[in-house]
């Protein structure tokens, strides 16, 4: 049975400028690895968390969750992207992915979902990133990682233009990050908090239930390292959720 870890973040009133820099995709030489090898999980987690950080920033910009003035143009995967310059928002996204990273390393995370919510905390959009790892991995150094970077670039480009097929969101939206995990992983997250300021609690029902689902697929990428299926769901129902309890901003 799947459990869902639920993180929330509220809009904020003031905006300040700060530089947000992403490290480049690390190129590591590896031989044949299995899921049990520590390096395999670390490589996948590093690549995906870096990608998800860029994707979340871009989604918030493209879907106008926050004012365009807090974003600055950067370059990632050799394409232009928009990154937030607000320290609180950047720290929240960083802390969120810091919680997610151990789950990806252990292959316990099956989906990471960015949810856009209206003023009443009802979901109006979902960007779904399905994650799967192969049981055996044969890496030929830079060749494979270069291929992965090309695939991630394609997903980023799809997100950049997704507003062309989507309707405008209502004003005053916030966003949420869901992580679909195995039940055992959820229990472990409850027992040992990766970040003490991010305790996991049960999500409010109104924040997760949706009606009349409609799916708009954006991009699916598959490589020897990971499969990421990225789509946007306007409305979809959930069963059970956990969320990180944070102070309302």
C-alpha atoms as a PDB file:
ATOM      1  CA  UNK A   1       0.000   0.000   0.000  1.00  0.00           C
ATOM      2  CA  UNK A   2       1.312   3.444  -0.886  1.00  0.00           C
ATOM      3  CA  UNK A   3       1.495   6.266   1.607  1.00  0.00           C
ATOM      4  CA  UNK A   4       1.909   9.908   0.692  1.00  0.00           C
ATOM      5  CA  UNK A   5       4.227  12.387   2.383  1.00  0.00           C
ATOM      6  CA  UNK A   6       2.794  15.884   2.142  1.00  0.00           C
ATOM      7  CA  UNK A   7       4.675  19.188   2.360  1.00  0.00           C
ATOM      8  CA  UNK A   8       3.057  22.632   2.368  1.00  0.00           C
ATOM      9  CA  UNK A   9       4.301  26.174   1.814  1.00  0.00           C
ATOM     10  CA  UNK A  10       2.360  29.424   2.079  1.00  0.00           C
ATOM     11  CA  UNK A  11       2.785  32.651   0.148  1.00  0.00           C
ATOM     12  CA  UNK A  12       4.833  35.379   1.759  1.00  0.00           C
ATOM     13  CA  UNK A  13       4.476  39.148   1.787  1.00  0.00           C
ATOM     14  CA  UNK A  14       7.991  40.527   1.262  1.00  0.00           C
ATOM     15  CA  UNK A  15      10.578  39.671  -1.358  1.00  0.00           C
ATOM     16  CA  UNK A  16      14.346  40.017  -1.184  1.00  0.00           C
ATOM     17  CA  UNK A  17      17.085  39.347  -3.736  1.00  0.00           C
ATOM     18  CA  UNK A  18      19.705  36.657  -3.323  1.00  0.00           C
ATOM     19  CA  UNK A  19      21.698  34.579  -5.775  1.00  0.00           C
ATOM     20  CA  UNK A  20      20.624  30.961  -6.147  1.00  0.00           C
ATOM     21  CA  UNK A  21      23.273  28.742  -7.737  1.00  0.00           C
ATOM     22  CA  UNK A  22      22.989  25.093  -8.728  1.00  0.00           C
ATOM     23  CA  UNK A  23      26.018  22.840  -8.937  1.00  0.00           C
ATOM     24  CA  UNK A  24      26.536  21.186 -12.301  1.00  0.00           C
ATOM     25  CA  UNK A  25      25.627  17.559 -12.879  1.00  0.00           C
ATOM     26  CA  UNK A  26      28.442  15.498 -11.404  1.00  0.00           C
ATOM     27  CA  UNK A  27      30.188  13.127 -13.803  1.00  0.00           C
ATOM     28  CA  UNK A  28      31.252   9.990 -11.959  1.00  0.00           C
ATOM     29  CA  UNK A  29      32.936   6.961 -13.460  1.00  0.00           C
ATOM     30  CA  UNK A  30      31.145   3.791 -12.424  1.00  0.00           C
ATOM     31  CA  UNK A  31      31.085   0.138 -13.326  1.00  0.00           C
ATOM     32  CA  UNK A  32      28.087  -2.178 -13.143  1.00  0.00           C
ATOM     33  CA  UNK A  33      26.022  -1.438 -10.040  1.00  0.00           C
ATOM     34  CA  UNK A  34      22.928  -2.912  -8.454  1.00  0.00           C
ATOM     35  CA  UNK A  35      20.285  -1.185  -6.335  1.00  0.00           C
ATOM     36  CA  UNK A  36      22.044  -2.515  -3.247  1.00  0.00           C
ATOM     37  CA  UNK A  37      25.174  -0.506  -4.024  1.00  0.00           C
ATOM     38  CA  UNK A  38      25.331   2.757  -2.080  1.00  0.00           C
ATOM     39  CA  UNK A  39      26.845   4.697  -4.978  1.00  0.00           C
ATOM     40  CA  UNK A  40      23.964   3.782  -7.270  1.00  0.00           C
ATOM     41  CA  UNK A  41      21.336   5.275  -4.976  1.00  0.00           C
ATOM     42  CA  UNK A  42      23.451   8.336  -4.325  1.00  0.00           C
ATOM     43  CA  UNK A  43      24.001   9.041  -8.024  1.00  0.00           C
ATOM     44  CA  UNK A  44      20.291   8.694  -8.808  1.00  0.00           C
ATOM     45  CA  UNK A  45      19.288  10.826  -5.810  1.00  0.00           C
ATOM     46  CA  UNK A  46      21.808  13.558  -6.637  1.00  0.00           C
ATOM     47  CA  UNK A  47      20.697  13.770 -10.269  1.00  0.00           C
ATOM     48  CA  UNK A  48      16.973  13.684  -9.521  1.00  0.00           C
ATOM     49  CA  UNK A  49      17.035  16.129  -6.608  1.00  0.00           C
ATOM     50  CA  UNK A  50      19.014  18.607  -8.677  1.00  0.00           C
ATOM     51  CA  UNK A  51      16.515  18.182 -11.523  1.00  0.00           C
ATOM     52  CA  UNK A  52      13.483  18.440  -9.218  1.00  0.00           C
ATOM     53  CA  UNK A  53      14.839  21.638  -7.682  1.00  0.00           C
ATOM     54  CA  UNK A  54      15.084  23.241 -11.114  1.00  0.00           C
ATOM     55  CA  UNK A  55      11.671  21.861 -12.137  1.00  0.00           C
ATOM     56  CA  UNK A  56       9.895  23.163  -9.021  1.00  0.00           C
ATOM     57  CA  UNK A  57      11.295  26.667  -9.473  1.00  0.00           C
ATOM     58  CA  UNK A  58      10.285  26.649 -13.129  1.00  0.00           C
ATOM     59  CA  UNK A  59       6.758  25.386 -12.409  1.00  0.00           C
ATOM     60  CA  UNK A  60       6.226  28.147  -9.840  1.00  0.00           C
ATOM     61  CA  UNK A  61       7.361  30.703 -12.418  1.00  0.00           C
ATOM     62  CA  UNK A  62       5.449  29.365 -15.426  1.00  0.00           C
ATOM     63  CA  UNK A  63       2.211  28.874 -13.473  1.00  0.00           C
ATOM     64  CA  UNK A  64       2.598  32.307 -11.818  1.00  0.00           C
ATOM     65  CA  UNK A  65       2.314  31.044  -8.257  1.00  0.00           C
ATOM     66  CA  UNK A  66       4.663  33.861  -7.227  1.00  0.00           C
ATOM     67  CA  UNK A  67       5.427  37.241  -8.867  1.00  0.00           C
ATOM     68  CA  UNK A  68       7.827  37.080 -11.790  1.00  0.00           C
ATOM     69  CA  UNK A  69       9.973  39.725 -10.087  1.00  0.00           C
ATOM     70  CA  UNK A  70      11.401  37.223  -7.591  1.00  0.00           C
ATOM     71  CA  UNK A  71      12.767  35.026 -10.402  1.00  0.00           C
ATOM     72  CA  UNK A  72      15.957  35.436 -12.387  1.00  0.00           C
ATOM     73  CA  UNK A  73      17.049  33.728 -15.584  1.00  0.00           C
ATOM     74  CA  UNK A  74      19.671  31.015 -15.153  1.00  0.00           C
ATOM     75  CA  UNK A  75      21.078  28.297 -17.378  1.00  0.00           C
ATOM     76  CA  UNK A  76      20.636  24.613 -16.577  1.00  0.00           C
ATOM     77  CA  UNK A  77      21.035  21.598 -18.839  1.00  0.00           C
ATOM     78  CA  UNK A  78      22.191  24.127 -21.454  1.00  0.00           C
ATOM     79  CA  UNK A  79      18.756  25.772 -21.585  1.00  0.00           C
ATOM     80  CA  UNK A  80      17.468  28.967 -19.903  1.00  0.00           C
ATOM     81  CA  UNK A  81      15.406  28.444 -16.754  1.00  0.00           C
ATOM     82  CA  UNK A  82      13.832  30.746 -14.176  1.00  0.00           C
ATOM     83  CA  UNK A  83      15.043  30.428 -10.585  1.00  0.00           C
ATOM     84  CA  UNK A  84      13.631  32.095  -7.473  1.00  0.00           C
ATOM     85  CA  UNK A  85      15.792  34.675  -5.707  1.00  0.00           C
ATOM     86  CA  UNK A  86      13.725  34.668  -2.515  1.00  0.00           C
ATOM     87  CA  UNK A  87      15.731  33.124   0.364  1.00  0.00           C
ATOM     88  CA  UNK A  88      12.738  31.709   2.272  1.00  0.00           C
ATOM     89  CA  UNK A  89      11.251  30.032  -0.775  1.00  0.00           C
ATOM     90  CA  UNK A  90      14.637  28.693  -1.858  1.00  0.00           C
ATOM     91  CA  UNK A  91      15.314  27.309   1.610  1.00  0.00           C
ATOM     92  CA  UNK A  92      11.913  25.628   1.734  1.00  0.00           C
ATOM     93  CA  UNK A  93      12.457  23.883  -1.595  1.00  0.00           C
ATOM     94  CA  UNK A  94      15.973  22.878  -0.538  1.00  0.00           C
ATOM     95  CA  UNK A  95      14.755  21.459   2.793  1.00  0.00           C
ATOM     96  CA  UNK A  96      11.920  19.617   1.084  1.00  0.00           C
ATOM     97  CA  UNK A  97      14.267  17.850  -1.316  1.00  0.00           C
ATOM     98  CA  UNK A  98      16.683  17.174   1.538  1.00  0.00           C
ATOM     99  CA  UNK A  99      13.871  15.129   3.088  1.00  0.00           C
ATOM    100  CA  UNK A 100      13.113  13.418  -0.224  1.00  0.00           C
ATOM    101  CA  UNK A 101      16.710  12.521  -1.099  1.00  0.00           C
ATOM    102  CA  UNK A 102      17.119   9.609   1.382  1.00  0.00           C
ATOM    103  CA  UNK A 103      13.906   8.066   0.027  1.00  0.00           C
ATOM    104  CA  UNK A 104      15.220   8.214  -3.542  1.00  0.00           C
ATOM    105  CA  UNK A 105      18.578   6.785  -2.450  1.00  0.00           C
ATOM    106  CA  UNK A 106      16.820   3.731  -0.999  1.00  0.00           C
ATOM    107  CA  UNK A 107      14.419   3.478  -3.955  1.00  0.00           C
ATOM    108  CA  UNK A 108      11.516   4.168  -1.578  1.00  0.00           C
ATOM    109  CA  UNK A 109      10.103   7.154  -3.511  1.00  0.00           C
ATOM    110  CA  UNK A 110       7.795   6.297  -6.403  1.00  0.00           C
ATOM    111  CA  UNK A 111       6.406   9.742  -7.244  1.00  0.00           C
ATOM    112  CA  UNK A 112       7.163  13.359  -6.473  1.00  0.00           C
ATOM    113  CA  UNK A 113       4.190  15.633  -7.154  1.00  0.00           C
ATOM    114  CA  UNK A 114       4.044  19.429  -7.256  1.00  0.00           C
ATOM    115  CA  UNK A 115       0.490  20.524  -6.445  1.00  0.00           C
ATOM    116  CA  UNK A 116      -0.850  24.017  -7.131  1.00  0.00           C
ATOM    117  CA  UNK A 117      -3.590  24.935  -4.638  1.00  0.00           C
ATOM    118  CA  UNK A 118      -6.164  27.732  -4.558  1.00  0.00           C
ATOM    119  CA  UNK A 119      -6.920  30.052  -1.625  1.00  0.00           C
ATOM    120  CA  UNK A 120      -9.133  27.412  -0.019  1.00  0.00           C
ATOM    121  CA  UNK A 121      -6.283  24.871  -0.243  1.00  0.00           C
ATOM    122  CA  UNK A 122      -8.057  22.859  -2.930  1.00  0.00           C
ATOM    123  CA  UNK A 123      -5.701  21.353  -5.544  1.00  0.00           C
ATOM    124  CA  UNK A 124      -6.163  22.796  -9.031  1.00  0.00           C
ATOM    125  CA  UNK A 125      -3.092  21.353 -10.795  1.00  0.00           C
ATOM    126  CA  UNK A 126      -0.607  18.539 -10.270  1.00  0.00           C
ATOM    127  CA  UNK A 127       2.761  18.023 -11.919  1.00  0.00           C
ATOM    128  CA  UNK A 128       3.647  14.355 -11.431  1.00  0.00           C
ATOM    129  CA  UNK A 129       7.186  12.988 -11.605  1.00  0.00           C
ATOM    130  CA  UNK A 130       7.108   9.187 -11.536  1.00  0.00           C
ATOM    131  CA  UNK A 131      10.442   7.680 -10.510  1.00  0.00           C
ATOM    132  CA  UNK A 132      11.649   4.144 -11.176  1.00  0.00           C
ATOM    133  CA  UNK A 133      15.119   2.637 -10.998  1.00  0.00           C
ATOM    134  CA  UNK A 134      16.382  -0.385 -12.963  1.00  0.00           C
ATOM    135  CA  UNK A 135      17.633  -3.410 -10.970  1.00  0.00           C
ATOM    136  CA  UNK A 136      20.963  -3.377 -12.821  1.00  0.00           C
ATOM    137  CA  UNK A 137      22.937  -0.439 -14.110  1.00  0.00           C
ATOM    138  CA  UNK A 138      25.859  -0.421 -16.522  1.00  0.00           C
ATOM    139  CA  UNK A 139      27.384   3.039 -16.805  1.00  0.00           C
ATOM    140  CA  UNK A 140      29.981   4.060 -19.348  1.00  0.00           C
ATOM    141  CA  UNK A 141      31.069   7.214 -17.541  1.00  0.00           C
ATOM    142  CA  UNK A 142      30.264  10.532 -19.248  1.00  0.00           C
ATOM    143  CA  UNK A 143      28.330   9.000 -22.147  1.00  0.00           C
ATOM    144  CA  UNK A 144      25.375   7.858 -20.060  1.00  0.00           C
ATOM    145  CA  UNK A 145      25.239  10.926 -17.838  1.00  0.00           C
ATOM    146  CA  UNK A 146      25.315  13.141 -20.915  1.00  0.00           C
ATOM    147  CA  UNK A 147      22.327  11.188 -22.255  1.00  0.00           C
ATOM    148  CA  UNK A 148      20.483  11.640 -18.959  1.00  0.00           C
ATOM    149  CA  UNK A 149      21.155  15.380 -19.067  1.00  0.00           C
ATOM    150  CA  UNK A 150      19.675  15.553 -22.579  1.00  0.00           C
ATOM    151  CA  UNK A 151      16.536  13.780 -21.396  1.00  0.00           C
ATOM    152  CA  UNK A 152      16.156  16.044 -18.371  1.00  0.00           C
ATOM    153  CA  UNK A 153      16.610  19.039 -20.665  1.00  0.00           C
ATOM    154  CA  UNK A 154      13.663  17.810 -22.741  1.00  0.00           C
ATOM    155  CA  UNK A 155      11.443  17.636 -19.639  1.00  0.00           C
ATOM    156  CA  UNK A 156      12.464  21.152 -18.579  1.00  0.00           C
ATOM    157  CA  UNK A 157      11.657  22.478 -22.056  1.00  0.00           C
ATOM    158  CA  UNK A 158       8.195  20.875 -21.884  1.00  0.00           C
ATOM    159  CA  UNK A 159       7.523  22.526 -18.531  1.00  0.00           C
ATOM    160  CA  UNK A 160       8.657  25.878 -19.952  1.00  0.00           C
ATOM    161  CA  UNK A 161       5.882  25.855 -22.556  1.00  0.00           C
ATOM    162  CA  UNK A 162       3.143  23.993 -20.660  1.00  0.00           C
ATOM    163  CA  UNK A 163       1.199  27.204 -20.037  1.00  0.00           C
ATOM    164  CA  UNK A 164       0.267  27.156 -23.732  1.00  0.00           C
ATOM    165  CA  UNK A 165      -2.049  24.186 -23.083  1.00  0.00           C
ATOM    166  CA  UNK A 166      -3.191  25.107 -19.574  1.00  0.00           C
ATOM    167  CA  UNK A 167      -5.741  27.607 -18.347  1.00  0.00           C
ATOM    168  CA  UNK A 168      -4.801  30.431 -15.997  1.00  0.00           C
ATOM    169  CA  UNK A 169      -4.882  29.579 -12.302  1.00  0.00           C
ATOM    170  CA  UNK A 170      -7.000  31.608  -9.857  1.00  0.00           C
ATOM    171  CA  UNK A 171      -5.192  34.386  -7.949  1.00  0.00           C
ATOM    172  CA  UNK A 172      -3.600  33.720  -4.579  1.00  0.00           C
ATOM    173  CA  UNK A 173      -2.447  30.163  -5.245  1.00  0.00           C
ATOM    174  CA  UNK A 174       0.106  28.323  -3.118  1.00  0.00           C
ATOM    175  CA  UNK A 175       1.948  25.087  -3.786  1.00  0.00           C
ATOM    176  CA  UNK A 176       2.524  21.733  -2.148  1.00  0.00           C
ATOM    177  CA  UNK A 177       4.948  18.860  -2.715  1.00  0.00           C
ATOM    178  CA  UNK A 178       3.725  15.269  -2.334  1.00  0.00           C
ATOM    179  CA  UNK A 179       6.018  12.261  -2.150  1.00  0.00           C
ATOM    180  CA  UNK A 180       4.495   8.832  -2.783  1.00  0.00           C
ATOM    181  CA  UNK A 181       6.405   6.189  -0.817  1.00  0.00           C
ATOM    182  CA  UNK A 182       6.122   2.662   0.450  1.00  0.00           C
ATOM    183  CA  UNK A 183       4.352   2.257   3.790  1.00  0.00           C
ATOM    184  CA  UNK A 184       7.549   1.200   5.594  1.00  0.00           C
ATOM    185  CA  UNK A 185       9.329   4.325   4.375  1.00  0.00           C
ATOM    186  CA  UNK A 186       6.516   6.485   5.752  1.00  0.00           C
ATOM    187  CA  UNK A 187       6.873   4.900   9.186  1.00  0.00           C
ATOM    188  CA  UNK A 188      10.617   5.496   9.123  1.00  0.00           C
ATOM    189  CA  UNK A 189      10.090   9.157   8.222  1.00  0.00           C
ATOM    190  CA  UNK A 190       7.777   9.519  11.212  1.00  0.00           C
ATOM    191  CA  UNK A 191      10.321   7.971  13.587  1.00  0.00           C
ATOM    192  CA  UNK A 192      13.478   9.689  12.380  1.00  0.00           C
ATOM    193  CA  UNK A 193      13.030  13.226  11.061  1.00  0.00           C
ATOM    194  CA  UNK A 194      15.560  14.249   8.431  1.00  0.00           C
ATOM    195  CA  UNK A 195      14.955  17.896   9.306  1.00  0.00           C
ATOM    196  CA  UNK A 196      13.460  18.597  12.725  1.00  0.00           C
ATOM    197  CA  UNK A 197      11.600  21.650  11.445  1.00  0.00           C
ATOM    198  CA  UNK A 198       9.729  19.393   8.993  1.00  0.00           C
ATOM    199  CA  UNK A 199       7.694  16.966  11.157  1.00  0.00           C
ATOM    200  CA  UNK A 200       5.296  14.709   9.252  1.00  0.00           C
ATOM    201  CA  UNK A 201       1.585  14.859  10.137  1.00  0.00           C
ATOM    202  CA  UNK A 202      -1.659  13.753   8.499  1.00  0.00           C
ATOM    203  CA  UNK A 203      -2.796  16.154   5.781  1.00  0.00           C
ATOM    204  CA  UNK A 204      -6.180  17.851   5.870  1.00  0.00           C
ATOM    205  CA  UNK A 205      -8.694  16.042   3.680  1.00  0.00           C
ATOM    206  CA  UNK A 206      -9.651  19.177   1.726  1.00  0.00           C
ATOM    207  CA  UNK A 207      -6.034  19.670   0.683  1.00  0.00           C
ATOM    208  CA  UNK A 208      -5.784  16.353  -1.130  1.00  0.00           C
ATOM    209  CA  UNK A 209      -9.194  15.360  -2.533  1.00  0.00           C
ATOM    210  CA  UNK A 210     -10.079  16.350  -6.086  1.00  0.00           C
ATOM    211  CA  UNK A 211     -12.880  15.501  -8.509  1.00  0.00           C
ATOM    212  CA  UNK A 212     -13.299  14.953 -12.250  1.00  0.00           C
ATOM    213  CA  UNK A 213      -9.669  14.101 -13.094  1.00  0.00           C
ATOM    214  CA  UNK A 214      -8.148  15.241 -16.383  1.00  0.00           C
ATOM    215  CA  UNK A 215      -4.613  14.289 -17.407  1.00  0.00           C
ATOM    216  CA  UNK A 216      -2.385  16.262 -19.774  1.00  0.00           C
ATOM    217  CA  UNK A 217       0.843  14.290 -20.388  1.00  0.00           C
ATOM    218  CA  UNK A 218       3.954  16.389 -20.860  1.00  0.00           C
ATOM    219  CA  UNK A 219       7.033  14.192 -21.199  1.00  0.00           C
ATOM    220  CA  UNK A 220       8.382  10.741 -20.324  1.00  0.00           C
ATOM    221  CA  UNK A 221      12.123  10.100 -20.216  1.00  0.00           C
ATOM    222  CA  UNK A 222      13.812   6.735 -19.720  1.00  0.00           C
ATOM    223  CA  UNK A 223      17.490   5.932 -19.310  1.00  0.00           C
ATOM    224  CA  UNK A 224      19.647   3.244 -17.734  1.00  0.00           C
ATOM    225  CA  UNK A 225      19.744   5.307 -14.567  1.00  0.00           C
ATOM    226  CA  UNK A 226      16.122   6.295 -13.980  1.00  0.00           C
ATOM    227  CA  UNK A 227      12.704   6.698 -15.553  1.00  0.00           C
ATOM    228  CA  UNK A 228      10.879   9.976 -15.045  1.00  0.00           C
ATOM    229  CA  UNK A 229       7.321  10.331 -16.292  1.00  0.00           C
ATOM    230  CA  UNK A 230       6.152  13.929 -16.021  1.00  0.00           C
ATOM    231  CA  UNK A 231       2.482  14.810 -16.462  1.00  0.00           C
ATOM    232  CA  UNK A 232       0.011  17.338 -15.154  1.00  0.00           C
ATOM    233  CA  UNK A 233      -3.264  16.248 -13.548  1.00  0.00           C
ATOM    234  CA  UNK A 234      -5.924  18.892 -13.050  1.00  0.00           C
ATOM    235  CA  UNK A 235      -8.067  16.834 -10.674  1.00  0.00           C
ATOM    236  CA  UNK A 236      -7.416  13.521  -9.003  1.00  0.00           C
ATOM    237  CA  UNK A 237      -8.390  11.745  -5.756  1.00  0.00           C
ATOM    238  CA  UNK A 238      -5.957  10.522  -3.078  1.00  0.00           C
ATOM    239  CA  UNK A 239      -6.458   7.950  -0.333  1.00  0.00           C
ATOM    240  CA  UNK A 240      -4.111   8.748   2.568  1.00  0.00           C
ATOM    241  CA  UNK A 241      -1.577  11.540   2.983  1.00  0.00           C
ATOM    242  CA  UNK A 242       1.104  12.735   5.348  1.00  0.00           C
ATOM    243  CA  UNK A 243       2.322  16.308   5.344  1.00  0.00           C
ATOM    244  CA  UNK A 244       5.120  18.318   6.861  1.00  0.00           C
ATOM    245  CA  UNK A 245       3.790  20.703   9.480  1.00  0.00           C
ATOM    246  CA  UNK A 246       5.389  24.128   9.001  1.00  0.00           C
ATOM    247  CA  UNK A 247       4.573  27.579  10.315  1.00  0.00           C
ATOM    248  CA  UNK A 248       2.154  29.451   8.071  1.00  0.00           C
ATOM    249  CA  UNK A 249       3.838  32.348   6.257  1.00  0.00           C
END
